[in-house]
Amino acid sequence: MDSATQERLEAAAFRALVAHLRARPDVQNIDLMNLAGFCRNCLSRWYREAAQAQGVELSDPQAREIIYGMPYKEWQALHQKPASPDQQAAFKAANPGH
């Protein structure tokens, strides 16, 4: 496979992941962190870092809006639920010092 084809496939897979996460606002970021070690915020940070590596200035709020499909504060108000004590404990156990 040539690198251009690989890059197109990776981009398509990324778009599918973002679309899937947007379609599943019921899946909380803390659950993603506890199960997979990353969340929507991580993905938006990686996106911003990739943009900056290419010389494209992108703020955290702009990157989050790309991933969430709306401003982050709006998504939080519509979809984010308080983390349960069990979720918080699992996060702390998996992410010491975070």
PDB file of N, CA and C in Angstrom:
ATOM      1  N   MET A   1       0.857  -1.175   0.000  1.00  0.00           N
ATOM      2  CA  MET A   1       0.000   0.000   0.000  1.00  0.00           C
ATOM      3  C   MET A   1       0.901   1.236   0.000  1.00  0.00           C
ATOM      4  N   ASP A   2       0.581   2.180  -0.858  1.00  0.00           N
ATOM      5  CA  ASP A   2       1.387   3.403  -0.888  1.00  0.00           C
ATOM      6  C   ASP A   2       0.954   4.340   0.242  1.00  0.00           C
ATOM      7  N   SER A   3       1.814   5.297   0.562  1.00  0.00           N
ATOM      8  CA  SER A   3       1.562   6.154   1.721  1.00  0.00           C
ATOM      9  C   SER A   3       0.337   7.048   1.538  1.00  0.00           C
ATOM     10  N   ALA A   4       0.054   7.489   0.310  1.00  0.00           N
ATOM     11  CA  ALA A   4      -1.130   8.330   0.083  1.00  0.00           C
ATOM     12  C   ALA A   4      -2.410   7.541   0.352  1.00  0.00           C
ATOM     13  N   THR A   5      -2.445   6.288  -0.085  1.00  0.00           N
ATOM     14  CA  THR A   5      -3.614   5.440   0.172  1.00  0.00           C
ATOM     15  C   THR A   5      -3.761   5.188   1.664  1.00  0.00           C
ATOM     16  N   GLN A   6      -2.645   4.904   2.318  1.00  0.00           N
ATOM     17  CA  GLN A   6      -2.683   4.670   3.756  1.00  0.00           C
ATOM     18  C   GLN A   6      -3.213   5.903   4.488  1.00  0.00           C
ATOM     19  N   GLU A   7      -2.750   7.079   4.088  1.00  0.00           N
ATOM     20  CA  GLU A   7      -3.216   8.313   4.730  1.00  0.00           C
ATOM     21  C   GLU A   7      -4.707   8.529   4.499  1.00  0.00           C
ATOM     22  N   ARG A   8      -5.216   8.243   3.307  1.00  0.00           N
ATOM     23  CA  ARG A   8      -6.658   8.380   3.037  1.00  0.00           C
ATOM     24  C   ARG A   8      -7.462   7.411   3.898  1.00  0.00           C
ATOM     25  N   LEU A   9      -6.975   6.194   4.050  1.00  0.00           N
ATOM     26  CA  LEU A   9      -7.672   5.209   4.875  1.00  0.00           C
ATOM     27  C   LEU A   9      -7.653   5.614   6.346  1.00  0.00           C
ATOM     28  N   GLU A  10      -6.519   6.109   6.806  1.00  0.00           N
ATOM     29  CA  GLU A  10      -6.435   6.568   8.193  1.00  0.00           C
ATOM     30  C   GLU A  10      -7.381   7.740   8.434  1.00  0.00           C
ATOM     31  N   ALA A  11      -7.444   8.663   7.490  1.00  0.00           N
ATOM     32  CA  ALA A  11      -8.349   9.803   7.616  1.00  0.00           C
ATOM     33  C   ALA A  11      -9.800   9.341   7.639  1.00  0.00           C
ATOM     34  N   ALA A  12     -10.138   8.380   6.808  1.00  0.00           N
ATOM     35  CA  ALA A  12     -11.508   7.854   6.784  1.00  0.00           C
ATOM     36  C   ALA A  12     -11.838   7.163   8.106  1.00  0.00           C
ATOM     37  N   ALA A  13     -10.889   6.418   8.643  1.00  0.00           N
ATOM     38  CA  ALA A  13     -11.107   5.740   9.924  1.00  0.00           C
ATOM     39  C   ALA A  13     -11.273   6.770  11.043  1.00  0.00           C
ATOM     40  N   PHE A  14     -10.487   7.831  11.015  1.00  0.00           N
ATOM     41  CA  PHE A  14     -10.607   8.898  12.002  1.00  0.00           C
ATOM     42  C   PHE A  14     -11.982   9.555  11.920  1.00  0.00           C
ATOM     43  N   ARG A  15     -12.434   9.865  10.704  1.00  0.00           N
ATOM     44  CA  ARG A  15     -13.756  10.486  10.539  1.00  0.00           C
ATOM     45  C   ARG A  15     -14.845   9.551  11.045  1.00  0.00           C
ATOM     46  N   ALA A  16     -14.702   8.258  10.821  1.00  0.00           N
ATOM     47  CA  ALA A  16     -15.688   7.291  11.310  1.00  0.00           C
ATOM     48  C   ALA A  16     -15.692   7.252  12.841  1.00  0.00           C
ATOM     49  N   LEU A  17     -14.512   7.311  13.454  1.00  0.00           N
ATOM     50  CA  LEU A  17     -14.428   7.328  14.915  1.00  0.00           C
ATOM     51  C   LEU A  17     -15.102   8.576  15.479  1.00  0.00           C
ATOM     52  N   VAL A  18     -14.809   9.729  14.908  1.00  0.00           N
ATOM     53  CA  VAL A  18     -15.422  10.976  15.374  1.00  0.00           C
ATOM     54  C   VAL A  18     -16.939  10.920  15.201  1.00  0.00           C
ATOM     55  N   ALA A  19     -17.410  10.437  14.063  1.00  0.00           N
ATOM     56  CA  ALA A  19     -18.853  10.321  13.830  1.00  0.00           C
ATOM     57  C   ALA A  19     -19.489   9.373  14.845  1.00  0.00           C
ATOM     58  N   HIS A  20     -18.811   8.280  15.133  1.00  0.00           N
ATOM     59  CA  HIS A  20     -19.324   7.316  16.111  1.00  0.00           C
ATOM     60  C   HIS A  20     -19.423   7.957  17.500  1.00  0.00           C
ATOM     61  N   LEU A  21     -18.378   8.677  17.911  1.00  0.00           N
ATOM     62  CA  LEU A  21     -18.405   9.330  19.223  1.00  0.00           C
ATOM     63  C   LEU A  21     -19.477  10.405  19.292  1.00  0.00           C
ATOM     64  N   ARG A  22     -19.687  11.131  18.202  1.00  0.00           N
ATOM     65  CA  ARG A  22     -20.750  12.147  18.186  1.00  0.00           C
ATOM     66  C   ARG A  22     -22.122  11.498  18.285  1.00  0.00           C
ATOM     67  N   ALA A  23     -22.278  10.321  17.695  1.00  0.00           N
ATOM     68  CA  ALA A  23     -23.568   9.620  17.714  1.00  0.00           C
ATOM     69  C   ALA A  23     -23.828   8.933  19.056  1.00  0.00           C
ATOM     70  N   ARG A  24     -22.804   8.844  19.900  1.00  0.00           N
ATOM     71  CA  ARG A  24     -22.944   8.167  21.186  1.00  0.00           C
ATOM     72  C   ARG A  24     -22.631   9.096  22.365  1.00  0.00           C
ATOM     73  N   PRO A  25     -23.392  10.187  22.504  1.00  0.00           N
ATOM     74  CA  PRO A  25     -23.128  11.086  23.630  1.00  0.00           C
ATOM     75  C   PRO A  25     -23.437  10.433  24.976  1.00  0.00           C
ATOM     76  N   ASP A  26     -24.148   9.306  24.950  1.00  0.00           N
ATOM     77  CA  ASP A  26     -24.425   8.578  26.184  1.00  0.00           C
ATOM     78  C   ASP A  26     -23.166   7.953  26.769  1.00  0.00           C
ATOM     79  N   VAL A  27     -22.160   7.742  25.945  1.00  0.00           N
ATOM     80  CA  VAL A  27     -20.896   7.196  26.428  1.00  0.00           C
ATOM     81  C   VAL A  27     -20.097   8.350  27.015  1.00  0.00           C
ATOM     82  N   GLN A  28     -19.912   8.311  28.310  1.00  0.00           N
ATOM     83  CA  GLN A  28     -19.251   9.395  29.021  1.00  0.00           C
ATOM     84  C   GLN A  28     -17.731   9.325  28.843  1.00  0.00           C
ATOM     85  N   ASN A  29     -17.099  10.487  28.861  1.00  0.00           N
ATOM     86  CA  ASN A  29     -15.646  10.537  28.725  1.00  0.00           C
ATOM     87  C   ASN A  29     -14.940   9.740  29.812  1.00  0.00           C
ATOM     88  N   ILE A  30     -15.450   9.777  31.030  1.00  0.00           N
ATOM     89  CA  ILE A  30     -14.794   9.037  32.106  1.00  0.00           C
ATOM     90  C   ILE A  30     -14.843   7.534  31.836  1.00  0.00           C
ATOM     91  N   ASP A  31     -15.935   7.065  31.224  1.00  0.00           N
ATOM     92  CA  ASP A  31     -16.014   5.648  30.871  1.00  0.00           C
ATOM     93  C   ASP A  31     -14.984   5.308  29.802  1.00  0.00           C
ATOM     94  N   LEU A  32     -14.842   6.187  28.809  1.00  0.00           N
ATOM     95  CA  LEU A  32     -13.820   5.974  27.785  1.00  0.00           C
ATOM     96  C   LEU A  32     -12.434   5.928  28.418  1.00  0.00           C
ATOM     97  N   MET A  33     -12.154   6.874  29.317  1.00  0.00           N
ATOM     98  CA  MET A  33     -10.848   6.902  29.980  1.00  0.00           C
ATOM     99  C   MET A  33     -10.615   5.628  30.783  1.00  0.00           C
ATOM    100  N   ASN A  34     -11.624   5.205  31.521  1.00  0.00           N
ATOM    101  CA  ASN A  34     -11.461   4.025  32.365  1.00  0.00           C
ATOM    102  C   ASN A  34     -11.308   2.741  31.554  1.00  0.00           C
ATOM    103  N   LEU A  35     -11.977   2.670  30.417  1.00  0.00           N
ATOM    104  CA  LEU A  35     -11.927   1.450  29.615  1.00  0.00           C
ATOM    105  C   LEU A  35     -10.830   1.457  28.556  1.00  0.00           C
ATOM    106  N   ALA A  36     -10.583   2.611  27.965  1.00  0.00           N
ATOM    107  CA  ALA A  36      -9.673   2.653  26.818  1.00  0.00           C
ATOM    108  C   ALA A  36      -8.438   3.518  27.039  1.00  0.00           C
ATOM    109  N   GLY A  37      -8.436   4.317  28.098  1.00  0.00           N
ATOM    110  CA  GLY A  37      -7.281   5.152  28.375  1.00  0.00           C
ATOM    111  C   GLY A  37      -7.224   6.439  27.571  1.00  0.00           C
ATOM    112  N   PHE A  38      -8.311   6.769  26.873  1.00  0.00           N
ATOM    113  CA  PHE A  38      -8.415   8.043  26.162  1.00  0.00           C
ATOM    114  C   PHE A  38      -9.884   8.422  26.091  1.00  0.00           C
ATOM    115  N   CYS A  39     -10.123   9.712  25.801  1.00  0.00           N
ATOM    116  CA  CYS A  39     -11.493  10.190  25.670  1.00  0.00           C
ATOM    117  C   CYS A  39     -11.564  11.213  24.546  1.00  0.00           C
ATOM    118  N   ARG A  40     -12.703  11.823  24.400  1.00  0.00           N
ATOM    119  CA  ARG A  40     -12.886  12.843  23.360  1.00  0.00           C
ATOM    120  C   ARG A  40     -11.904  14.001  23.534  1.00  0.00           C
ATOM    121  N   ASN A  41     -11.642  14.378  24.792  1.00  0.00           N
ATOM    122  CA  ASN A  41     -10.696  15.465  25.031  1.00  0.00           C
ATOM    123  C   ASN A  41      -9.286  15.079  24.597  1.00  0.00           C
ATOM    124  N   CYS A  42      -8.896  13.848  24.843  1.00  0.00           N
ATOM    125  CA  CYS A  42      -7.591  13.368  24.377  1.00  0.00           C
ATOM    126  C   CYS A  42      -7.523  13.442  22.858  1.00  0.00           C
ATOM    127  N   LEU A  43      -8.577  12.980  22.210  1.00  0.00           N
ATOM    128  CA  LEU A  43      -8.627  12.992  20.750  1.00  0.00           C
ATOM    129  C   LEU A  43      -8.518  14.419  20.223  1.00  0.00           C
ATOM    130  N   SER A  44      -9.199  15.357  20.871  1.00  0.00           N
ATOM    131  CA  SER A  44      -9.112  16.742  20.416  1.00  0.00           C
ATOM    132  C   SER A  44      -7.711  17.310  20.650  1.00  0.00           C
ATOM    133  N   ARG A  45      -7.060  16.909  21.735  1.00  0.00           N
ATOM    134  CA  ARG A  45      -5.691  17.357  21.981  1.00  0.00           C
ATOM    135  C   ARG A  45      -4.744  16.801  20.917  1.00  0.00           C
ATOM    136  N   TRP A  46      -4.906  15.526  20.576  1.00  0.00           N
ATOM    137  CA  TRP A  46      -4.065  14.927  19.527  1.00  0.00           C
ATOM    138  C   TRP A  46      -4.288  15.637  18.193  1.00  0.00           C
ATOM    139  N   TYR A  47      -5.528  16.013  17.919  1.00  0.00           N
ATOM    140  CA  TYR A  47      -5.860  16.728  16.693  1.00  0.00           C
ATOM    141  C   TYR A  47      -5.149  18.092  16.679  1.00  0.00           C
ATOM    142  N   ARG A  48      -5.245  18.801  17.803  1.00  0.00           N
ATOM    143  CA  ARG A  48      -4.592  20.110  17.913  1.00  0.00           C
ATOM    144  C   ARG A  48      -3.080  19.968  17.767  1.00  0.00           C
ATOM    145  N   GLU A  49      -2.486  18.980  18.409  1.00  0.00           N
ATOM    146  CA  GLU A  49      -1.047  18.758  18.306  1.00  0.00           C
ATOM    147  C   GLU A  49      -0.636  18.426  16.878  1.00  0.00           C
ATOM    148  N   ALA A  50      -1.447  17.632  16.184  1.00  0.00           N
ATOM    149  CA  ALA A  50      -1.154  17.308  14.778  1.00  0.00           C
ATOM    150  C   ALA A  50      -1.232  18.558  13.917  1.00  0.00           C
ATOM    151  N   ALA A  51      -2.218  19.406  14.188  1.00  0.00           N
ATOM    152  CA  ALA A  51      -2.342  20.657  13.432  1.00  0.00           C
ATOM    153  C   ALA A  51      -1.112  21.524  13.658  1.00  0.00           C
ATOM    154  N   GLN A  52      -0.714  21.670  14.911  1.00  0.00           N
ATOM    155  CA  GLN A  52       0.449  22.498  15.217  1.00  0.00           C
ATOM    156  C   GLN A  52       1.723  21.937  14.593  1.00  0.00           C
ATOM    157  N   ALA A  53       1.842  20.619  14.534  1.00  0.00           N
ATOM    158  CA  ALA A  53       3.007  19.997  13.894  1.00  0.00           C
ATOM    159  C   ALA A  53       3.061  20.318  12.406  1.00  0.00           C
ATOM    160  N   GLN A  54       1.899  20.639  11.839  1.00  0.00           N
ATOM    161  CA  GLN A  54       1.820  21.002  10.426  1.00  0.00           C
ATOM    162  C   GLN A  54       1.812  22.520  10.221  1.00  0.00           C
ATOM    163  N   GLY A  55       2.034  23.269  11.318  1.00  0.00           N
ATOM    164  CA  GLY A  55       2.066  24.718  11.222  1.00  0.00           C
ATOM    165  C   GLY A  55       0.699  25.375  11.206  1.00  0.00           C
ATOM    166  N   VAL A  56      -0.334  24.636  11.611  1.00  0.00           N
ATOM    167  CA  VAL A  56      -1.697  25.166  11.648  1.00  0.00           C
ATOM    168  C   VAL A  56      -2.037  25.501  13.096  1.00  0.00           C
ATOM    169  N   GLU A  57      -2.350  26.764  13.343  1.00  0.00           N
ATOM    170  CA  GLU A  57      -2.726  27.179  14.693  1.00  0.00           C
ATOM    171  C   GLU A  57      -4.174  26.779  14.961  1.00  0.00           C
ATOM    172  N   LEU A  58      -4.371  26.087  16.048  1.00  0.00           N
ATOM    173  CA  LEU A  58      -5.693  25.623  16.429  1.00  0.00           C
ATOM    174  C   LEU A  58      -5.751  25.655  17.950  1.00  0.00           C
ATOM    175  N   SER A  59      -6.750  26.312  18.493  1.00  0.00           N
ATOM    176  CA  SER A  59      -6.883  26.383  19.950  1.00  0.00           C
ATOM    177  C   SER A  59      -7.552  25.115  20.476  1.00  0.00           C
ATOM    178  N   ASP A  60      -7.440  24.920  21.781  1.00  0.00           N
ATOM    179  CA  ASP A  60      -8.131  23.779  22.401  1.00  0.00           C
ATOM    180  C   ASP A  60      -9.637  23.844  22.157  1.00  0.00           C
ATOM    181  N   PRO A  61     -10.295  24.994  22.374  1.00  0.00           N
ATOM    182  CA  PRO A  61     -11.737  25.039  22.108  1.00  0.00           C
ATOM    183  C   PRO A  61     -12.092  24.722  20.650  1.00  0.00           C
ATOM    184  N   GLN A  62     -11.277  25.191  19.713  1.00  0.00           N
ATOM    185  CA  GLN A  62     -11.536  24.890  18.301  1.00  0.00           C
ATOM    186  C   GLN A  62     -11.397  23.394  18.029  1.00  0.00           C
ATOM    187  N   ALA A  63     -10.355  22.782  18.568  1.00  0.00           N
ATOM    188  CA  ALA A  63     -10.147  21.347  18.361  1.00  0.00           C
ATOM    189  C   ALA A  63     -11.266  20.539  19.006  1.00  0.00           C
ATOM    190  N   ARG A  64     -11.687  20.942  20.190  1.00  0.00           N
ATOM    191  CA  ARG A  64     -12.784  20.229  20.855  1.00  0.00           C
ATOM    192  C   ARG A  64     -14.077  20.345  20.053  1.00  0.00           C
ATOM    193  N   GLU A  65     -14.326  21.512  19.482  1.00  0.00           N
ATOM    194  CA  GLU A  65     -15.547  21.665  18.682  1.00  0.00           C
ATOM    195  C   GLU A  65     -15.515  20.762  17.454  1.00  0.00           C
ATOM    196  N   ILE A  66     -14.347  20.556  16.887  1.00  0.00           N
ATOM    197  CA  ILE A  66     -14.212  19.644  15.740  1.00  0.00           C
ATOM    198  C   ILE A  66     -14.576  18.218  16.164  1.00  0.00           C
ATOM    199  N   ILE A  67     -14.120  17.809  17.324  1.00  0.00           N
ATOM    200  CA  ILE A  67     -14.380  16.441  17.790  1.00  0.00           C
ATOM    201  C   ILE A  67     -15.810  16.291  18.310  1.00  0.00           C
ATOM    202  N   TYR A  68     -16.272  17.234  19.103  1.00  0.00           N
ATOM    203  CA  TYR A  68     -17.599  17.133  19.708  1.00  0.00           C
ATOM    204  C   TYR A  68     -18.730  17.506  18.750  1.00  0.00           C
ATOM    205  N   GLY A  69     -18.416  18.269  17.711  1.00  0.00           N
ATOM    206  CA  GLY A  69     -19.452  18.710  16.781  1.00  0.00           C
ATOM    207  C   GLY A  69     -20.241  19.903  17.285  1.00  0.00           C
ATOM    208  N   MET A  70     -19.782  20.490  18.372  1.00  0.00           N
ATOM    209  CA  MET A  70     -20.406  21.667  18.981  1.00  0.00           C
ATOM    210  C   MET A  70     -19.418  22.190  20.012  1.00  0.00           C
ATOM    211  N   PRO A  71     -19.630  23.396  20.501  1.00  0.00           N
ATOM    212  CA  PRO A  71     -18.747  23.877  21.569  1.00  0.00           C
ATOM    213  C   PRO A  71     -18.773  22.919  22.763  1.00  0.00           C
ATOM    214  N   TYR A  72     -17.610  22.732  23.359  1.00  0.00           N
ATOM    215  CA  TYR A  72     -17.457  21.776  24.458  1.00  0.00           C
ATOM    216  C   TYR A  72     -18.413  22.072  25.607  1.00  0.00           C
ATOM    217  N   LYS A  73     -18.547  23.346  25.998  1.00  0.00           N
ATOM    218  CA  LYS A  73     -19.439  23.700  27.102  1.00  0.00           C
ATOM    219  C   LYS A  73     -20.883  23.311  26.787  1.00  0.00           C
ATOM    220  N   GLU A  74     -21.279  23.453  25.534  1.00  0.00           N
ATOM    221  CA  GLU A  74     -22.630  23.053  25.122  1.00  0.00           C
ATOM    222  C   GLU A  74     -22.798  21.538  25.245  1.00  0.00           C
ATOM    223  N   TRP A  75     -21.791  20.787  24.780  1.00  0.00           N
ATOM    224  CA  TRP A  75     -21.846  19.327  24.877  1.00  0.00           C
ATOM    225  C   TRP A  75     -21.936  18.912  26.346  1.00  0.00           C
ATOM    226  N   GLN A  76     -21.112  19.534  27.185  1.00  0.00           N
ATOM    227  CA  GLN A  76     -21.150  19.210  28.616  1.00  0.00           C
ATOM    228  C   GLN A  76     -22.550  19.432  29.192  1.00  0.00           C
ATOM    229  N   ALA A  77     -23.144  20.570  28.887  1.00  0.00           N
ATOM    230  CA  ALA A  77     -24.465  20.892  29.419  1.00  0.00           C
ATOM    231  C   ALA A  77     -25.528  19.911  28.937  1.00  0.00           C
ATOM    232  N   LEU A  78     -25.399  19.453  27.698  1.00  0.00           N
ATOM    233  CA  LEU A  78     -26.394  18.540  27.132  1.00  0.00           C
ATOM    234  C   LEU A  78     -26.185  17.085  27.535  1.00  0.00           C
ATOM    235  N   HIS A  79     -24.922  16.664  27.688  1.00  0.00           N
ATOM    236  CA  HIS A  79     -24.654  15.224  27.761  1.00  0.00           C
ATOM    237  C   HIS A  79     -23.848  14.746  28.965  1.00  0.00           C
ATOM    238  N   GLN A  80     -23.034  15.604  29.557  1.00  0.00           N
ATOM    239  CA  GLN A  80     -22.144  15.109  30.607  1.00  0.00           C
ATOM    240  C   GLN A  80     -22.888  14.928  31.911  1.00  0.00           C
ATOM    241  N   LYS A  81     -22.692  13.770  32.515  1.00  0.00           N
ATOM    242  CA  LYS A  81     -23.288  13.461  33.807  1.00  0.00           C
ATOM    243  C   LYS A  81     -22.178  13.460  34.856  1.00  0.00           C
ATOM    244  N   PRO A  82     -22.522  13.735  36.105  1.00  0.00           N
ATOM    245  CA  PRO A  82     -21.492  13.669  37.148  1.00  0.00           C
ATOM    246  C   PRO A  82     -20.921  12.254  37.244  1.00  0.00           C
ATOM    247  N   ALA A  83     -19.627  12.174  37.440  1.00  0.00           N
ATOM    248  CA  ALA A  83     -18.983  10.869  37.588  1.00  0.00           C
ATOM    249  C   ALA A  83     -19.354  10.278  38.947  1.00  0.00           C
ATOM    250  N   SER A  84     -19.643   8.999  38.930  1.00  0.00           N
ATOM    251  CA  SER A  84     -19.977   8.311  40.182  1.00  0.00           C
ATOM    252  C   SER A  84     -18.698   8.099  40.999  1.00  0.00           C
ATOM    253  N   PRO A  85     -18.844   7.842  42.286  1.00  0.00           N
ATOM    254  CA  PRO A  85     -17.656   7.532  43.094  1.00  0.00           C
ATOM    255  C   PRO A  85     -16.863   6.351  42.524  1.00  0.00           C
ATOM    256  N   ASP A  86     -17.554   5.334  42.016  1.00  0.00           N
ATOM    257  CA  ASP A  86     -16.857   4.187  41.426  1.00  0.00           C
ATOM    258  C   ASP A  86     -16.071   4.589  40.179  1.00  0.00           C
ATOM    259  N   GLN A  87     -16.677   5.430  39.338  1.00  0.00           N
ATOM    260  CA  GLN A  87     -15.981   5.905  38.140  1.00  0.00           C
ATOM    261  C   GLN A  87     -14.758   6.730  38.523  1.00  0.00           C
ATOM    262  N   GLN A  88     -14.905   7.593  39.500  1.00  0.00           N
ATOM    263  CA  GLN A  88     -13.794   8.421  39.951  1.00  0.00           C
ATOM    264  C   GLN A  88     -12.671   7.570  40.526  1.00  0.00           C
ATOM    265  N   ALA A  89     -13.012   6.555  41.310  1.00  0.00           N
ATOM    266  CA  ALA A  89     -12.006   5.675  41.895  1.00  0.00           C
ATOM    267  C   ALA A  89     -11.273   4.899  40.806  1.00  0.00           C
ATOM    268  N   ALA A  90     -12.001   4.401  39.820  1.00  0.00           N
ATOM    269  CA  ALA A  90     -11.370   3.670  38.720  1.00  0.00           C
ATOM    270  C   ALA A  90     -10.421   4.583  37.937  1.00  0.00           C
ATOM    271  N   PHE A  91     -10.845   5.844  37.729  1.00  0.00           N
ATOM    272  CA  PHE A  91      -9.989   6.794  37.015  1.00  0.00           C
ATOM    273  C   PHE A  91      -8.717   7.050  37.794  1.00  0.00           C
ATOM    274  N   LYS A  92      -8.845   7.298  39.090  1.00  0.00           N
ATOM    275  CA  LYS A  92      -7.665   7.569  39.926  1.00  0.00           C
ATOM    276  C   LYS A  92      -6.727   6.376  39.965  1.00  0.00           C
ATOM    277  N   ALA A  93      -7.291   5.177  40.014  1.00  0.00           N
ATOM    278  CA  ALA A  93      -6.448   3.974  40.044  1.00  0.00           C
ATOM    279  C   ALA A  93      -5.692   3.789  38.723  1.00  0.00           C
ATOM    280  N   ALA A  94      -6.322   4.130  37.624  1.00  0.00           N
ATOM    281  CA  ALA A  94      -5.711   3.933  36.303  1.00  0.00           C
ATOM    282  C   ALA A  94      -4.808   5.100  35.915  1.00  0.00           C
ATOM    283  N   ASN A  95      -4.973   6.242  36.569  1.00  0.00           N
ATOM    284  CA  ASN A  95      -4.249   7.463  36.187  1.00  0.00           C
ATOM    285  C   ASN A  95      -3.667   8.139  37.404  1.00  0.00           C
ATOM    286  N   PRO A  96      -2.736   7.464  38.107  1.00  0.00           N
ATOM    287  CA  PRO A  96      -2.183   8.097  39.310  1.00  0.00           C
ATOM    288  C   PRO A  96      -1.491   9.412  38.954  1.00  0.00           C
ATOM    289  N   GLY A  97      -1.737  10.410  39.790  1.00  0.00           N
ATOM    290  CA  GLY A  97      -1.124  11.710  39.581  1.00  0.00           C
ATOM    291  C   GLY A  97      -1.840  12.574  38.552  1.00  0.00           C
ATOM    292  N   HIS A  98      -2.931  12.098  38.006  1.00  0.00           N
ATOM    293  CA  HIS A  98      -3.670  12.879  37.000  1.00  0.00           C
ATOM    294  C   HIS A  98      -4.684  13.767  37.655  1.00  0.00           C
TER     295      HIS A  98
END
